[in-house]
Amino acid sequence: MFRWLFRLVLLLSLSVWVGSVVFFSAVVAPDAFGDLGRSAAGTFLSRFFPHYYLLGTVCGLAALAASVLLLLFDSGFRFLRAVQMAVLVLMLAGNVYSGTILEGRIHRLREEREGTLNATQRGVVERHFARLHRRSVTLNMAVLALGVVGLGSAVERRKA
């Protein structure tokens, strides 16, 4: 029936999402910090992040919808589809948490750090910023790793 279309949506949405994570992590962020310096790169990336997380959320929702439809219409792969959906839910959770909660907190701390603080306050803010930034990077890498697993599961083929 429409299984080919659902598989195509699943593969395309996961490919775009994983590709955007790789491109951002390997090209955009390193170049921004290398060319612009810490403060300007932080400002640039803070404008970039809402689009980045929106793209991930849209791709994740499309992939999840396709996976649900495949579960309903592709009876031979129920366990695989359940695993795909679990992977996609974890990816979406990490993406949404990073984009809606972490990014706002990190942005506020970045502005606070750039403001007028004494040395003690700056140290506290810097440590908090570093902790949240590490969490954000870890979640981004987890989304990437799960995305690779999701892509691997999406390209399975039945033996004829």
Protein backbone atom coordinates (compact mmCIF):
# COMPACT_ATOMS: atom_id res chain seq x y z
CA MET A 1 0.00 0.00 0.00
CA PHE A 2 1.70 3.23 1.14
CA ARG A 3 4.50 1.54 3.06
CA TRP A 4 7.07 2.89 0.59
CA LEU A 5 5.91 6.45 1.30
CA PHE A 6 6.04 5.97 5.08
CA ARG A 7 9.52 4.45 4.80
CA LEU A 8 10.61 7.37 2.60
CA VAL A 9 9.35 9.93 5.13
CA LEU A 10 11.08 8.05 7.94
CA LEU A 11 14.39 7.88 6.06
CA LEU A 12 14.29 11.48 4.82
CA SER A 13 13.34 13.00 8.15
CA LEU A 14 15.99 11.03 10.03
CA SER A 15 18.59 11.81 7.36
CA VAL A 16 17.89 15.54 7.48
CA TRP A 17 17.91 15.55 11.29
CA VAL A 18 21.12 13.55 11.65
CA GLY A 19 22.74 15.55 8.84
CA SER A 20 21.87 18.84 10.53
CA VAL A 21 23.37 17.64 13.83
CA VAL A 22 26.57 16.58 12.08
CA PHE A 23 26.79 19.80 10.06
CA PHE A 24 26.17 21.99 13.09
CA SER A 25 28.58 20.08 15.34
CA ALA A 26 31.37 19.62 12.80
CA VAL A 27 31.14 22.82 10.74
CA VAL A 28 28.97 25.63 12.09
CA ALA A 29 29.96 25.69 15.78
CA PRO A 30 33.72 25.17 15.32
CA ASP A 31 33.88 27.77 12.53
CA ALA A 32 31.85 30.29 14.53
CA PHE A 33 34.15 30.02 17.52
CA GLY A 34 37.25 29.95 15.33
CA ASP A 35 36.33 32.97 13.22
CA LEU A 36 34.20 35.14 15.49
CA GLY A 37 35.63 34.65 18.98
CA ARG A 38 33.75 33.46 22.04
CA SER A 39 31.38 36.38 22.61
CA ALA A 40 30.36 36.96 18.98
CA ALA A 41 30.08 33.21 18.33
CA GLY A 42 27.79 32.85 21.34
CA THR A 43 25.60 35.66 20.05
CA PHE A 44 25.50 34.17 16.55
CA LEU A 45 24.72 30.66 17.77
CA SER A 46 22.02 31.89 20.14
CA ARG A 47 20.17 33.24 17.07
CA PHE A 48 20.83 30.00 15.19
CA PHE A 49 19.61 27.58 17.88
CA PRO A 50 15.84 28.17 17.66
CA HIS A 51 15.91 27.16 13.97
CA TYR A 52 18.19 24.20 14.72
CA TYR A 53 15.91 22.81 17.42
CA LEU A 54 12.76 23.52 15.39
CA LEU A 55 14.18 21.55 12.46
CA GLY A 56 14.97 18.65 14.80
CA THR A 57 11.48 18.72 16.29
CA VAL A 58 9.76 18.82 12.88
CA CYS A 59 11.94 16.00 11.56
CA GLY A 60 11.39 14.00 14.74
CA LEU A 61 7.62 14.38 14.61
CA ALA A 62 7.55 13.41 10.91
CA ALA A 63 9.73 10.36 11.60
CA LEU A 64 7.60 9.35 14.58
CA ALA A 65 4.38 9.69 12.56
CA ALA A 66 5.88 7.57 9.76
CA SER A 67 7.04 4.98 12.28
CA VAL A 68 3.56 4.77 13.83
CA LEU A 69 2.01 4.34 10.37
CA LEU A 70 4.54 1.65 9.54
CA LEU A 71 3.68 -0.12 12.80
CA LEU A 72 0.02 -0.10 11.78
CA PHE A 73 0.52 -1.16 8.14
CA ASP A 74 3.68 -3.28 8.14
CA SER A 75 2.77 -6.30 10.22
CA GLY A 76 6.06 -8.16 9.76
CA PHE A 77 8.18 -5.65 11.69
CA ARG A 78 6.26 -4.82 14.87
CA PHE A 79 9.22 -5.17 17.24
CA LEU A 80 11.48 -3.12 14.97
CA ARG A 81 8.86 -0.36 14.71
CA ALA A 82 8.44 -0.31 18.49
CA VAL A 83 12.21 0.08 18.89
CA GLN A 84 12.22 2.85 16.25
CA MET A 85 9.46 4.68 18.07
CA ALA A 86 11.32 4.41 21.40
CA VAL A 87 14.49 5.78 19.75
CA LEU A 88 12.52 8.63 18.16
CA VAL A 89 10.78 9.52 21.43
CA LEU A 90 14.16 9.68 23.19
CA MET A 91 15.60 11.84 20.41
CA LEU A 92 12.61 14.17 20.52
CA ALA A 93 12.76 14.42 24.30
CA GLY A 94 16.43 15.39 24.19
CA ASN A 95 15.85 17.86 21.38
CA VAL A 96 12.82 19.53 22.95
CA TYR A 97 14.45 19.73 26.39
CA SER A 98 17.60 21.24 24.90
CA GLY A 99 15.69 23.70 22.74
CA THR A 100 13.05 24.83 25.20
CA ILE A 101 14.70 24.62 28.61
CA LEU A 102 18.47 24.36 28.35
CA GLU A 103 18.96 26.88 25.57
CA GLY A 104 17.03 29.58 27.41
CA ARG A 105 18.99 29.03 30.60
CA ILE A 106 22.31 28.96 28.75
CA HIS A 107 21.40 32.16 26.89
CA ARG A 108 20.55 33.96 30.15
CA LEU A 109 23.80 32.80 31.75
CA ARG A 110 25.77 33.92 28.67
CA GLU A 111 24.26 37.41 28.98
CA GLU A 112 24.88 37.43 32.73
CA ARG A 113 28.49 36.36 32.19
CA GLU A 114 29.01 39.21 29.73
CA GLY A 115 27.50 41.72 32.17
CA THR A 116 29.12 43.46 35.07
CA LEU A 117 29.85 40.90 37.75
CA ASN A 118 32.52 40.73 40.38
CA ALA A 119 35.05 37.89 40.19
CA THR A 120 33.16 35.62 42.60
CA GLN A 121 29.83 36.05 40.81
CA ARG A 122 31.48 35.58 37.41
CA GLY A 123 33.03 32.30 38.62
CA VAL A 124 29.67 30.98 39.83
CA VAL A 125 27.97 31.97 36.58
CA GLU A 126 30.82 30.49 34.51
CA ARG A 127 30.62 27.13 36.33
CA HIS A 128 26.84 26.99 35.94
CA PHE A 129 27.13 27.92 32.26
CA ALA A 130 29.80 25.23 31.71
CA ARG A 131 27.65 22.58 33.41
CA LEU A 132 24.56 23.40 31.31
CA HIS A 133 26.63 23.67 28.13
CA ARG A 134 28.13 20.19 28.78
CA ARG A 135 24.63 18.84 29.29
CA SER A 136 23.52 20.41 26.02
CA VAL A 137 26.48 18.99 24.10
CA THR A 138 25.93 15.55 25.67
CA LEU A 139 22.26 15.59 24.68
CA ASN A 140 23.18 16.70 21.16
CA MET A 141 25.62 13.79 20.83
CA ALA A 142 23.02 11.39 22.27
CA VAL A 143 20.50 12.60 19.68
CA LEU A 144 23.13 12.02 17.00
CA ALA A 145 23.95 8.50 18.22
CA LEU A 146 20.28 7.59 18.52
CA GLY A 147 19.70 9.06 15.06
CA VAL A 148 22.34 6.76 13.60
CA VAL A 149 20.62 3.81 15.32
CA GLY A 150 17.30 5.01 13.95
CA LEU A 151 18.71 5.30 10.44
CA GLY A 152 20.20 1.83 10.70
CA SER A 153 16.86 0.42 11.74
CA ALA A 154 15.06 2.28 8.95
CA VAL A 155 17.10 0.73 6.16
CA GLU A 156 16.37 -2.87 7.11
CA ARG A 157 15.22 -5.09 4.25
CA ARG A 158 13.22 -8.26 4.25
CA LYS A 159 14.95 -11.31 2.90
CA ALA A 160 13.10 -12.55 -0.13
